[in-house]
Amino acid sequence: MRTQNDNCKSNKDKIFITAIKLFAESGYSGVSMRNIATAVGIKASSIYNHYESKEAILEAIFDYYVQRLNETVYPSLELQAITNPKEYLRESLQTSMMLFKIPVMSDIIRIITREQFSNERIREFLLHEMILKPRKQFIRVFEKLIAENLIKPYPAEILAKEYQSFSISRYFENSLINTDLLNLERDQLEQEAHLDFFWNAIKKEEYSL
């Protein structure tokens, strides 16, 4: 038997998922609380039992996105004993690209990209969570690899930016493509080509992995 709390949770989940879909399709400013409520199939006034405002829904979307990053992407970037640098770089790249294979995450990425020029909060979120935070971790990784004489001694920040450029480029390109048109097989091939090119450019000549 369903309890009242179960129903509330179900409706809140429906509001959350529906809002993501509508924001991705029509833009954040183009969707009202009434639009979301109608799409969910509840009274317009009922939506405020779960979210006090549209901004609160957006904050919940950010929280969810960061939670998924913390659970999936960022752990792969943790500084650790790196016995195979190329495999480490491959794993971190693959984990980042996996986001596009998850429909709800793909929609959130589309929201963030679409709204960055009209919403300062979104712009700051994109800059910090998707670019600056991962870059700091990559800088530490490259500093470690240089210190251990595993790669050529290029400036670590330059290496981090160069390595990250593929993910950023693919992020923006895929965010502009309808989810149904994403070519994940092509992404995988290009990702591997990027990795080979980058690794061959930075590895020590005597390093054969």
N, C-alpha and C. Protein backbone atom coordinates (compact mmCIF):
# COMPACT_ATOMS: atom_id res chain seq x y z
N MET A 1 0.84 -1.20 0.00
CA MET A 1 0.00 0.00 0.00
C MET A 1 0.88 1.25 0.00
N ARG A 2 0.60 2.18 -0.89
CA ARG A 2 1.39 3.40 -0.99
C ARG A 2 1.01 4.35 0.12
N THR A 3 1.98 4.97 0.74
CA THR A 3 1.73 5.95 1.77
C THR A 3 1.70 7.34 1.15
N GLN A 4 1.27 8.34 1.94
CA GLN A 4 1.25 9.72 1.44
C GLN A 4 2.67 10.19 1.12
N ASN A 5 3.64 9.78 1.94
CA ASN A 5 5.03 10.17 1.70
C ASN A 5 5.55 9.59 0.39
N ASP A 6 5.13 8.33 0.09
CA ASP A 6 5.53 7.72 -1.18
C ASP A 6 5.02 8.53 -2.35
N ASN A 7 3.77 8.99 -2.25
CA ASN A 7 3.16 9.76 -3.32
C ASN A 7 3.85 11.10 -3.49
N CYS A 8 4.19 11.74 -2.36
CA CYS A 8 4.88 13.02 -2.42
C CYS A 8 6.24 12.86 -3.10
N LYS A 9 6.95 11.79 -2.73
CA LYS A 9 8.25 11.56 -3.33
C LYS A 9 8.11 11.30 -4.82
N SER A 10 7.09 10.53 -5.19
CA SER A 10 6.87 10.23 -6.60
C SER A 10 6.59 11.50 -7.39
N ASN A 11 5.73 12.36 -6.87
CA ASN A 11 5.40 13.60 -7.55
C ASN A 11 6.61 14.52 -7.64
N LYS A 12 7.40 14.58 -6.58
CA LYS A 12 8.59 15.43 -6.59
C LYS A 12 9.58 14.93 -7.64
N ASP A 13 9.75 13.61 -7.73
CA ASP A 13 10.63 13.04 -8.75
C ASP A 13 10.12 13.36 -10.15
N LYS A 14 8.79 13.26 -10.34
CA LYS A 14 8.20 13.55 -11.65
C LYS A 14 8.41 15.02 -12.03
N ILE A 15 8.25 15.90 -11.05
CA ILE A 15 8.47 17.34 -11.29
C ILE A 15 9.91 17.58 -11.70
N PHE A 16 10.82 16.95 -10.99
CA PHE A 16 12.26 17.13 -11.25
C PHE A 16 12.62 16.67 -12.66
N ILE A 17 12.23 15.46 -13.02
CA ILE A 17 12.56 14.91 -14.34
C ILE A 17 11.87 15.69 -15.45
N THR A 18 10.60 16.07 -15.22
CA THR A 18 9.86 16.82 -16.23
C THR A 18 10.47 18.19 -16.45
N ALA A 19 10.88 18.84 -15.36
CA ALA A 19 11.50 20.16 -15.47
C ALA A 19 12.78 20.09 -16.29
N ILE A 20 13.58 19.08 -16.05
CA ILE A 20 14.82 18.91 -16.82
C ILE A 20 14.51 18.80 -18.31
N LYS A 21 13.53 17.96 -18.63
CA LYS A 21 13.17 17.76 -20.03
C LYS A 21 12.66 19.06 -20.66
N LEU A 22 11.79 19.78 -19.96
CA LEU A 22 11.24 21.01 -20.50
C LEU A 22 12.29 22.11 -20.62
N PHE A 23 13.14 22.24 -19.61
CA PHE A 23 14.21 23.24 -19.67
C PHE A 23 15.13 22.96 -20.85
N ALA A 24 15.43 21.67 -21.09
CA ALA A 24 16.32 21.29 -22.19
C ALA A 24 15.67 21.60 -23.54
N GLU A 25 14.37 21.42 -23.64
CA GLU A 25 13.67 21.60 -24.91
C GLU A 25 13.35 23.06 -25.20
N SER A 26 12.89 23.80 -24.17
CA SER A 26 12.35 25.15 -24.39
C SER A 26 13.15 26.25 -23.74
N GLY A 27 14.18 25.90 -22.97
CA GLY A 27 14.95 26.91 -22.27
C GLY A 27 14.37 27.19 -20.90
N TYR A 28 15.23 27.54 -19.98
CA TYR A 28 14.80 27.79 -18.60
C TYR A 28 13.79 28.93 -18.52
N SER A 29 14.06 30.04 -19.21
CA SER A 29 13.16 31.18 -19.15
C SER A 29 11.85 30.94 -19.88
N GLY A 30 11.84 29.95 -20.78
CA GLY A 30 10.63 29.68 -21.55
C GLY A 30 9.66 28.71 -20.90
N VAL A 31 9.99 28.28 -19.69
CA VAL A 31 9.14 27.30 -18.99
C VAL A 31 8.68 27.89 -17.67
N SER A 32 7.39 27.81 -17.39
CA SER A 32 6.84 28.31 -16.14
C SER A 32 6.54 27.14 -15.20
N MET A 33 6.32 27.46 -13.94
CA MET A 33 5.91 26.44 -12.97
C MET A 33 4.59 25.80 -13.41
N ARG A 34 3.72 26.60 -14.00
CA ARG A 34 2.45 26.05 -14.49
C ARG A 34 2.68 25.06 -15.62
N ASN A 35 3.60 25.36 -16.51
CA ASN A 35 3.95 24.43 -17.60
C ASN A 35 4.41 23.09 -17.06
N ILE A 36 5.26 23.15 -16.03
CA ILE A 36 5.79 21.93 -15.43
C ILE A 36 4.67 21.13 -14.78
N ALA A 37 3.84 21.82 -14.02
CA ALA A 37 2.73 21.15 -13.34
C ALA A 37 1.79 20.48 -14.34
N THR A 38 1.48 21.18 -15.42
CA THR A 38 0.60 20.63 -16.45
C THR A 38 1.20 19.38 -17.07
N ALA A 39 2.50 19.42 -17.38
CA ALA A 39 3.17 18.27 -17.97
C ALA A 39 3.22 17.08 -17.03
N VAL A 40 3.33 17.36 -15.73
CA VAL A 40 3.34 16.28 -14.73
C VAL A 40 1.94 15.72 -14.52
N GLY A 41 0.92 16.58 -14.69
CA GLY A 41 -0.45 16.15 -14.48
C GLY A 41 -0.96 16.45 -13.09
N ILE A 42 -0.46 17.54 -12.50
CA ILE A 42 -0.92 17.96 -11.18
C ILE A 42 -1.41 19.40 -11.26
N LYS A 43 -2.13 19.85 -10.23
CA LYS A 43 -2.60 21.23 -10.18
C LYS A 43 -1.40 22.17 -10.07
N ALA A 44 -1.54 23.34 -10.65
CA ALA A 44 -0.45 24.31 -10.64
C ALA A 44 -0.03 24.65 -9.21
N SER A 45 -1.00 24.76 -8.33
CA SER A 45 -0.68 25.12 -6.94
C SER A 45 0.05 23.99 -6.21
N SER A 46 -0.16 22.75 -6.65
CA SER A 46 0.42 21.59 -5.96
C SER A 46 1.93 21.53 -6.12
N ILE A 47 2.46 22.11 -7.18
CA ILE A 47 3.90 22.02 -7.42
C ILE A 47 4.68 22.71 -6.30
N TYR A 48 4.04 23.73 -5.67
CA TYR A 48 4.73 24.48 -4.61
C TYR A 48 4.82 23.69 -3.30
N ASN A 49 4.15 22.56 -3.24
CA ASN A 49 4.32 21.67 -2.08
C ASN A 49 5.67 20.98 -2.12
N HIS A 50 6.30 20.99 -3.30
CA HIS A 50 7.56 20.27 -3.49
C HIS A 50 8.73 21.22 -3.76
N TYR A 51 8.47 22.27 -4.52
CA TYR A 51 9.51 23.26 -4.82
C TYR A 51 8.90 24.65 -4.67
N GLU A 52 9.60 25.52 -3.95
CA GLU A 52 9.03 26.84 -3.68
C GLU A 52 9.11 27.78 -4.87
N SER A 53 9.97 27.44 -5.84
CA SER A 53 10.12 28.30 -7.01
C SER A 53 10.81 27.53 -8.13
N LYS A 54 10.80 28.13 -9.30
CA LYS A 54 11.52 27.54 -10.43
C LYS A 54 13.02 27.54 -10.16
N GLU A 55 13.50 28.58 -9.48
CA GLU A 55 14.92 28.66 -9.12
C GLU A 55 15.31 27.50 -8.21
N ALA A 56 14.39 27.09 -7.33
CA ALA A 56 14.67 25.96 -6.43
C ALA A 56 14.82 24.67 -7.22
N ILE A 57 14.04 24.53 -8.29
CA ILE A 57 14.18 23.34 -9.14
C ILE A 57 15.55 23.36 -9.83
N LEU A 58 15.94 24.54 -10.31
CA LEU A 58 17.24 24.66 -10.97
C LEU A 58 18.38 24.31 -10.01
N GLU A 59 18.27 24.76 -8.77
CA GLU A 59 19.29 24.44 -7.77
C GLU A 59 19.33 22.94 -7.51
N ALA A 60 18.17 22.31 -7.50
CA ALA A 60 18.11 20.86 -7.30
C ALA A 60 18.78 20.13 -8.47
N ILE A 61 18.61 20.67 -9.67
CA ILE A 61 19.26 20.09 -10.85
C ILE A 61 20.77 20.20 -10.73
N PHE A 62 21.25 21.37 -10.30
CA PHE A 62 22.69 21.55 -10.08
C PHE A 62 23.21 20.56 -9.05
N ASP A 63 22.48 20.44 -7.94
CA ASP A 63 22.90 19.53 -6.87
C ASP A 63 22.99 18.09 -7.38
N TYR A 64 22.01 17.70 -8.17
CA TYR A 64 22.00 16.34 -8.72
C TYR A 64 23.19 16.14 -9.65
N TYR A 65 23.45 17.13 -10.49
CA TYR A 65 24.55 17.03 -11.45
C TYR A 65 25.90 16.91 -10.74
N VAL A 66 26.11 17.75 -9.73
CA VAL A 66 27.36 17.71 -8.97
C VAL A 66 27.48 16.37 -8.24
N GLN A 67 26.37 15.88 -7.71
CA GLN A 67 26.39 14.58 -7.03
C GLN A 67 26.84 13.48 -7.98
N ARG A 68 26.32 13.49 -9.20
CA ARG A 68 26.73 12.47 -10.17
C ARG A 68 28.20 12.62 -10.56
N LEU A 69 28.66 13.87 -10.69
CA LEU A 69 30.07 14.09 -10.98
C LEU A 69 30.94 13.55 -9.84
N ASN A 70 30.52 13.81 -8.61
CA ASN A 70 31.28 13.35 -7.45
C ASN A 70 31.29 11.83 -7.34
N GLU A 71 30.24 11.20 -7.85
CA GLU A 71 30.15 9.74 -7.76
C GLU A 71 30.87 9.03 -8.91
N THR A 72 30.94 9.70 -10.05
CA THR A 72 31.45 9.00 -11.24
C THR A 72 32.74 9.60 -11.80
N VAL A 73 32.74 10.90 -12.08
CA VAL A 73 33.86 11.51 -12.79
C VAL A 73 35.03 11.83 -11.86
N TYR A 74 34.77 12.57 -10.81
CA TYR A 74 35.87 13.04 -9.96
C TYR A 74 36.69 11.92 -9.31
N PRO A 75 36.08 10.80 -8.90
CA PRO A 75 36.91 9.73 -8.33
C PRO A 75 37.97 9.22 -9.31
N SER A 76 37.68 9.25 -10.60
CA SER A 76 38.65 8.78 -11.59
C SER A 76 39.82 9.74 -11.73
N LEU A 77 39.66 10.97 -11.21
CA LEU A 77 40.72 11.97 -11.30
C LEU A 77 41.57 12.04 -10.03
N GLU A 78 41.20 11.23 -9.04
CA GLU A 78 41.94 11.29 -7.78
C GLU A 78 43.40 10.94 -7.99
N LEU A 79 44.25 11.72 -7.33
CA LEU A 79 45.68 11.47 -7.41
C LEU A 79 46.00 10.19 -6.66
N GLN A 80 46.72 9.29 -7.32
CA GLN A 80 46.99 7.99 -6.75
C GLN A 80 48.34 7.50 -7.29
N ALA A 81 48.70 6.30 -6.90
CA ALA A 81 49.92 5.71 -7.46
C ALA A 81 49.63 5.35 -8.91
N ILE A 82 50.20 6.10 -9.84
CA ILE A 82 49.93 5.91 -11.26
C ILE A 82 51.01 5.02 -11.86
N THR A 83 50.69 3.76 -12.06
CA THR A 83 51.66 2.82 -12.62
C THR A 83 51.61 2.81 -14.14
N ASN A 84 50.47 3.19 -14.70
CA ASN A 84 50.32 3.23 -16.16
C ASN A 84 49.68 4.57 -16.53
N PRO A 85 50.48 5.60 -16.79
CA PRO A 85 49.93 6.94 -17.05
C PRO A 85 48.93 6.99 -18.19
N LYS A 86 49.21 6.29 -19.28
CA LYS A 86 48.29 6.34 -20.42
C LYS A 86 46.94 5.74 -20.05
N GLU A 87 46.94 4.66 -19.30
CA GLU A 87 45.68 4.05 -18.89
C GLU A 87 44.91 4.95 -17.94
N TYR A 88 45.64 5.65 -17.08
CA TYR A 88 44.99 6.62 -16.19
C TYR A 88 44.29 7.70 -17.01
N LEU A 89 44.98 8.24 -18.00
CA LEU A 89 44.39 9.28 -18.84
C LEU A 89 43.20 8.74 -19.63
N ARG A 90 43.30 7.49 -20.11
CA ARG A 90 42.20 6.89 -20.84
C ARG A 90 40.96 6.75 -19.94
N GLU A 91 41.16 6.27 -18.74
CA GLU A 91 40.03 6.06 -17.83
C GLU A 91 39.35 7.37 -17.48
N SER A 92 40.14 8.41 -17.21
CA SER A 92 39.54 9.70 -16.86
C SER A 92 38.76 10.28 -18.04
N LEU A 93 39.27 10.10 -19.24
CA LEU A 93 38.59 10.59 -20.43
C LEU A 93 37.31 9.82 -20.69
N GLN A 94 37.37 8.50 -20.58
CA GLN A 94 36.19 7.66 -20.81
C GLN A 94 35.09 7.97 -19.80
N THR A 95 35.47 8.17 -18.55
CA THR A 95 34.49 8.45 -17.52
C THR A 95 33.77 9.76 -17.79
N SER A 96 34.51 10.76 -18.23
CA SER A 96 33.90 12.05 -18.55
C SER A 96 32.93 11.93 -19.71
N MET A 97 33.32 11.18 -20.74
CA MET A 97 32.48 11.04 -21.92
C MET A 97 31.24 10.21 -21.66
N MET A 98 31.27 9.40 -20.60
CA MET A 98 30.11 8.56 -20.26
C MET A 98 28.88 9.40 -19.93
N LEU A 99 29.08 10.66 -19.54
CA LEU A 99 27.95 11.51 -19.19
C LEU A 99 26.95 11.61 -20.34
N PHE A 100 27.45 11.61 -21.57
CA PHE A 100 26.57 11.78 -22.72
C PHE A 100 25.72 10.53 -22.99
N LYS A 101 26.07 9.42 -22.36
CA LYS A 101 25.31 8.19 -22.55
C LYS A 101 24.13 8.10 -21.60
N ILE A 102 24.04 9.02 -20.65
CA ILE A 102 22.95 9.03 -19.67
C ILE A 102 21.97 10.13 -20.08
N PRO A 103 20.76 9.78 -20.53
CA PRO A 103 19.84 10.79 -21.08
C PRO A 103 19.60 11.99 -20.17
N VAL A 104 19.35 11.76 -18.89
CA VAL A 104 19.06 12.89 -18.00
C VAL A 104 20.28 13.80 -17.86
N MET A 105 21.49 13.22 -17.84
CA MET A 105 22.69 14.04 -17.75
C MET A 105 22.91 14.81 -19.05
N SER A 106 22.61 14.18 -20.16
CA SER A 106 22.73 14.85 -21.45
C SER A 106 21.80 16.05 -21.52
N ASP A 107 20.58 15.92 -20.99
CA ASP A 107 19.63 17.02 -20.95
C ASP A 107 20.13 18.15 -20.05
N ILE A 108 20.70 17.79 -18.91
CA ILE A 108 21.23 18.82 -18.00
C ILE A 108 22.38 19.57 -18.66
N ILE A 109 23.23 18.84 -19.35
CA ILE A 109 24.34 19.48 -20.08
C ILE A 109 23.78 20.46 -21.10
N ARG A 110 22.71 20.08 -21.75
CA ARG A 110 22.09 20.95 -22.76
C ARG A 110 21.53 22.21 -22.10
N ILE A 111 20.95 22.07 -20.92
CA ILE A 111 20.43 23.22 -20.18
C ILE A 111 21.56 24.18 -19.83
N ILE A 112 22.63 23.63 -19.27
CA ILE A 112 23.76 24.44 -18.83
C ILE A 112 24.37 25.20 -20.01
N THR A 113 24.55 24.50 -21.12
CA THR A 113 25.16 25.13 -22.30
C THR A 113 24.25 26.19 -22.90
N ARG A 114 22.97 25.89 -22.93
CA ARG A 114 22.02 26.80 -23.56
C ARG A 114 21.83 28.08 -22.75
N GLU A 115 21.86 27.97 -21.44
CA GLU A 115 21.52 29.10 -20.58
C GLU A 115 22.73 29.88 -20.07
N GLN A 116 23.93 29.48 -20.43
CA GLN A 116 25.11 30.09 -19.84
C GLN A 116 25.24 31.59 -20.12
N PHE A 117 24.72 32.05 -21.24
CA PHE A 117 24.88 33.46 -21.61
C PHE A 117 23.79 34.36 -21.02
N SER A 118 22.74 33.77 -20.49
CA SER A 118 21.65 34.57 -19.93
C SER A 118 21.49 34.38 -18.42
N ASN A 119 22.23 33.44 -17.85
CA ASN A 119 22.09 33.15 -16.43
C ASN A 119 23.48 33.08 -15.80
N GLU A 120 23.79 34.08 -14.97
CA GLU A 120 25.13 34.13 -14.37
C GLU A 120 25.40 32.93 -13.48
N ARG A 121 24.39 32.47 -12.76
CA ARG A 121 24.55 31.31 -11.88
C ARG A 121 24.96 30.09 -12.70
N ILE A 122 24.34 29.88 -13.84
CA ILE A 122 24.67 28.75 -14.70
C ILE A 122 26.08 28.91 -15.27
N ARG A 123 26.42 30.14 -15.66
CA ARG A 123 27.74 30.38 -16.23
C ARG A 123 28.84 30.07 -15.21
N GLU A 124 28.64 30.49 -13.97
CA GLU A 124 29.62 30.21 -12.92
C GLU A 124 29.71 28.72 -12.64
N PHE A 125 28.57 28.05 -12.67
CA PHE A 125 28.53 26.61 -12.43
C PHE A 125 29.32 25.87 -13.52
N LEU A 126 29.08 26.24 -14.76
CA LEU A 126 29.76 25.61 -15.89
C LEU A 126 31.27 25.81 -15.80
N LEU A 127 31.69 27.04 -15.53
CA LEU A 127 33.11 27.35 -15.46
C LEU A 127 33.80 26.58 -14.34
N HIS A 128 33.18 26.55 -13.17
CA HIS A 128 33.82 25.92 -12.01
C HIS A 128 33.79 24.40 -12.10
N GLU A 129 32.61 23.83 -12.30
CA GLU A 129 32.43 22.38 -12.20
C GLU A 129 32.94 21.62 -13.42
N MET A 130 32.84 22.24 -14.59
CA MET A 130 33.18 21.51 -15.81
C MET A 130 34.56 21.84 -16.36
N ILE A 131 35.14 22.96 -15.93
CA ILE A 131 36.43 23.35 -16.50
C ILE A 131 37.50 23.53 -15.42
N LEU A 132 37.30 24.45 -14.48
CA LEU A 132 38.35 24.79 -13.53
C LEU A 132 38.64 23.69 -12.51
N LYS A 133 37.60 23.08 -11.98
CA LYS A 133 37.81 22.04 -10.97
C LYS A 133 38.55 20.82 -11.54
N PRO A 134 38.12 20.27 -12.69
CA PRO A 134 38.89 19.15 -13.27
C PRO A 134 40.31 19.58 -13.67
N ARG A 135 40.46 20.81 -14.15
CA ARG A 135 41.79 21.26 -14.59
C ARG A 135 42.78 21.26 -13.43
N LYS A 136 42.35 21.71 -12.26
CA LYS A 136 43.24 21.72 -11.09
C LYS A 136 43.73 20.31 -10.79
N GLN A 137 42.84 19.34 -10.93
CA GLN A 137 43.24 17.97 -10.67
C GLN A 137 44.23 17.47 -11.72
N PHE A 138 43.98 17.80 -12.98
CA PHE A 138 44.90 17.39 -14.04
C PHE A 138 46.28 18.04 -13.86
N ILE A 139 46.31 19.28 -13.41
CA ILE A 139 47.59 19.94 -13.16
C ILE A 139 48.38 19.15 -12.12
N ARG A 140 47.72 18.73 -11.06
CA ARG A 140 48.40 17.96 -10.02
C ARG A 140 48.90 16.62 -10.58
N VAL A 141 48.10 16.00 -11.43
CA VAL A 141 48.50 14.72 -12.02
C VAL A 141 49.74 14.89 -12.89
N PHE A 142 49.74 15.90 -13.75
CA PHE A 142 50.88 16.10 -14.64
C PHE A 142 52.13 16.52 -13.86
N GLU A 143 51.94 17.28 -12.80
CA GLU A 143 53.08 17.62 -11.95
C GLU A 143 53.70 16.35 -11.35
N LYS A 144 52.83 15.42 -10.96
CA LYS A 144 53.31 14.16 -10.39
C LYS A 144 54.05 13.34 -11.45
N LEU A 145 53.50 13.25 -12.64
CA LEU A 145 54.14 12.47 -13.70
C LEU A 145 55.48 13.07 -14.11
N ILE A 146 55.56 14.40 -14.10
CA ILE A 146 56.83 15.06 -14.42
C ILE A 146 57.84 14.79 -13.32
N ALA A 147 57.41 14.90 -12.06
CA ALA A 147 58.31 14.67 -10.93
C ALA A 147 58.85 13.25 -10.92
N GLU A 148 58.03 12.31 -11.40
CA GLU A 148 58.45 10.90 -11.43
C GLU A 148 59.16 10.55 -12.74
N ASN A 149 59.41 11.58 -13.56
CA ASN A 149 60.16 11.41 -14.81
C ASN A 149 59.49 10.44 -15.79
N LEU A 150 58.13 10.48 -15.80
CA LEU A 150 57.38 9.59 -16.68
C LEU A 150 56.97 10.29 -17.98
N ILE A 151 56.97 11.62 -17.97
CA ILE A 151 56.62 12.38 -19.17
C ILE A 151 57.60 13.53 -19.33
N LYS A 152 57.58 14.14 -20.49
CA LYS A 152 58.46 15.28 -20.76
C LYS A 152 58.07 16.47 -19.87
N PRO A 153 59.04 17.26 -19.47
CA PRO A 153 58.79 18.33 -18.50
C PRO A 153 58.18 19.60 -19.10
N TYR A 154 57.02 19.47 -19.74
CA TYR A 154 56.29 20.64 -20.18
C TYR A 154 55.60 21.28 -18.97
N PRO A 155 55.22 22.56 -19.03
CA PRO A 155 54.47 23.16 -17.93
C PRO A 155 53.17 22.38 -17.67
N ALA A 156 52.94 22.02 -16.42
CA ALA A 156 51.78 21.18 -16.08
C ALA A 156 50.46 21.83 -16.45
N GLU A 157 50.36 23.14 -16.31
CA GLU A 157 49.10 23.82 -16.63
C GLU A 157 48.81 23.75 -18.12
N ILE A 158 49.85 23.88 -18.93
CA ILE A 158 49.67 23.77 -20.38
C ILE A 158 49.23 22.36 -20.75
N LEU A 159 49.85 21.35 -20.16
CA LEU A 159 49.46 19.97 -20.42
C LEU A 159 48.00 19.74 -20.04
N ALA A 160 47.60 20.27 -18.88
CA ALA A 160 46.23 20.09 -18.41
C ALA A 160 45.24 20.71 -19.39
N LYS A 161 45.53 21.91 -19.86
CA LYS A 161 44.64 22.59 -20.79
C LYS A 161 44.57 21.86 -22.13
N GLU A 162 45.72 21.40 -22.61
CA GLU A 162 45.74 20.68 -23.88
C GLU A 162 44.96 19.37 -23.78
N TYR A 163 45.19 18.64 -22.70
CA TYR A 163 44.49 17.36 -22.54
C TYR A 163 42.99 17.55 -22.39
N GLN A 164 42.61 18.58 -21.66
CA GLN A 164 41.20 18.85 -21.38
C GLN A 164 40.47 19.39 -22.61
N SER A 165 41.21 19.90 -23.57
CA SER A 165 40.57 20.56 -24.72
C SER A 165 39.65 19.63 -25.50
N PHE A 166 40.01 18.34 -25.61
CA PHE A 166 39.15 17.42 -26.34
C PHE A 166 37.80 17.26 -25.66
N SER A 167 37.82 17.06 -24.34
CA SER A 167 36.57 16.88 -23.59
C SER A 167 35.69 18.11 -23.67
N ILE A 168 36.30 19.30 -23.56
CA ILE A 168 35.53 20.54 -23.62
C ILE A 168 34.92 20.71 -25.01
N SER A 169 35.71 20.44 -26.05
CA SER A 169 35.21 20.55 -27.41
C SER A 169 34.06 19.58 -27.65
N ARG A 170 34.24 18.33 -27.23
CA ARG A 170 33.20 17.34 -27.43
C ARG A 170 31.96 17.66 -26.60
N TYR A 171 32.18 18.20 -25.41
CA TYR A 171 31.08 18.61 -24.53
C TYR A 171 30.18 19.61 -25.24
N PHE A 172 30.78 20.68 -25.78
CA PHE A 172 29.99 21.71 -26.43
C PHE A 172 29.37 21.21 -27.73
N GLU A 173 30.10 20.42 -28.49
CA GLU A 173 29.55 19.89 -29.74
C GLU A 173 28.35 18.99 -29.47
N ASN A 174 28.50 18.07 -28.52
CA ASN A 174 27.40 17.14 -28.23
C ASN A 174 26.21 17.84 -27.58
N SER A 175 26.46 18.92 -26.85
CA SER A 175 25.36 19.64 -26.22
C SER A 175 24.47 20.34 -27.24
N LEU A 176 24.99 20.51 -28.47
CA LEU A 176 24.23 21.17 -29.53
C LEU A 176 23.54 20.19 -30.45
N ILE A 177 23.74 18.90 -30.19
CA ILE A 177 23.17 17.85 -31.04
C ILE A 177 22.01 17.18 -30.32
N ASN A 178 20.95 16.90 -31.06
CA ASN A 178 19.84 16.13 -30.49
C ASN A 178 20.36 14.80 -29.95
N THR A 179 19.90 14.42 -28.77
CA THR A 179 20.39 13.20 -28.12
C THR A 179 20.31 11.99 -29.04
N ASP A 180 19.26 11.91 -29.83
CA ASP A 180 19.08 10.75 -30.71
C ASP A 180 20.11 10.71 -31.84
N LEU A 181 20.78 11.84 -32.08
CA LEU A 181 21.74 11.91 -33.19
C LEU A 181 23.17 11.75 -32.72
N LEU A 182 23.40 11.60 -31.41
CA LEU A 182 24.75 11.44 -30.91
C LEU A 182 25.37 10.17 -31.48
N ASN A 183 26.62 10.28 -31.90
CA ASN A 183 27.33 9.14 -32.46
C ASN A 183 28.41 8.73 -31.46
N LEU A 184 28.03 7.86 -30.53
CA LEU A 184 28.94 7.49 -29.45
C LEU A 184 30.09 6.63 -29.95
N GLU A 185 29.86 5.88 -31.03
CA GLU A 185 30.95 5.08 -31.60
C GLU A 185 32.01 5.99 -32.19
N ARG A 186 31.57 7.03 -32.87
CA ARG A 186 32.52 8.01 -33.41
C ARG A 186 33.28 8.70 -32.28
N ASP A 187 32.56 9.06 -31.22
CA ASP A 187 33.20 9.69 -30.08
C ASP A 187 34.29 8.81 -29.50
N GLN A 188 34.00 7.51 -29.40
CA GLN A 188 34.98 6.58 -28.84
C GLN A 188 36.24 6.52 -29.70
N LEU A 189 36.07 6.47 -31.01
CA LEU A 189 37.22 6.41 -31.92
C LEU A 189 38.04 7.70 -31.86
N GLU A 190 37.36 8.84 -31.85
CA GLU A 190 38.07 10.12 -31.80
C GLU A 190 38.74 10.31 -30.44
N GLN A 191 38.09 9.82 -29.40
CA GLN A 191 38.67 9.89 -28.06
C GLN A 191 39.97 9.11 -27.99
N GLU A 192 39.99 7.93 -28.58
CA GLU A 192 41.19 7.10 -28.57
C GLU A 192 42.30 7.74 -29.42
N ALA A 193 41.91 8.35 -30.54
CA ALA A 193 42.89 9.02 -31.40
C ALA A 193 43.51 10.21 -30.66
N HIS A 194 42.68 10.95 -29.94
CA HIS A 194 43.18 12.07 -29.14
C HIS A 194 44.15 11.58 -28.08
N LEU A 195 43.79 10.50 -27.42
CA LEU A 195 44.65 9.96 -26.37
C LEU A 195 46.01 9.53 -26.93
N ASP A 196 46.00 8.81 -28.05
CA ASP A 196 47.25 8.35 -28.66
C ASP A 196 48.13 9.53 -29.06
N PHE A 197 47.51 10.53 -29.68
CA PHE A 197 48.27 11.71 -30.11
C PHE A 197 48.89 12.43 -28.92
N PHE A 198 48.09 12.63 -27.89
CA PHE A 198 48.57 13.36 -26.72
C PHE A 198 49.67 12.59 -25.99
N TRP A 199 49.44 11.29 -25.80
CA TRP A 199 50.42 10.49 -25.07
C TRP A 199 51.75 10.41 -25.84
N ASN A 200 51.68 10.22 -27.13
CA ASN A 200 52.92 10.14 -27.93
C ASN A 200 53.69 11.46 -27.90
N ALA A 201 52.98 12.56 -27.71
CA ALA A 201 53.63 13.87 -27.67
C ALA A 201 54.33 14.13 -26.34
N ILE A 202 53.84 13.54 -25.25
CA ILE A 202 54.38 13.90 -23.94
C ILE A 202 55.23 12.79 -23.28
N LYS A 203 55.13 11.57 -23.77
CA LYS A 203 55.81 10.47 -23.09
C LYS A 203 57.32 10.58 -23.27
N LYS A 204 58.03 10.05 -22.31
CA LYS A 204 59.48 9.92 -22.46
C LYS A 204 59.77 8.88 -23.53
N GLU A 205 60.80 9.07 -24.31
CA GLU A 205 61.11 8.16 -25.41
C GLU A 205 61.30 6.74 -24.94
N GLU A 206 61.84 6.56 -23.72
CA GLU A 206 62.10 5.22 -23.23
C GLU A 206 60.87 4.57 -22.61
N TYR A 207 59.75 5.35 -22.52
CA TYR A 207 58.54 4.81 -21.90
C TYR A 207 57.71 4.14 -22.97
N SER A 208 57.46 2.86 -22.87
CA SER A 208 56.85 2.09 -23.97
C SER A 208 55.38 1.78 -23.79
N LEU A 209 54.78 2.04 -22.61
CA LEU A 209 53.38 1.67 -22.41
C LEU A 209 52.46 2.45 -23.33
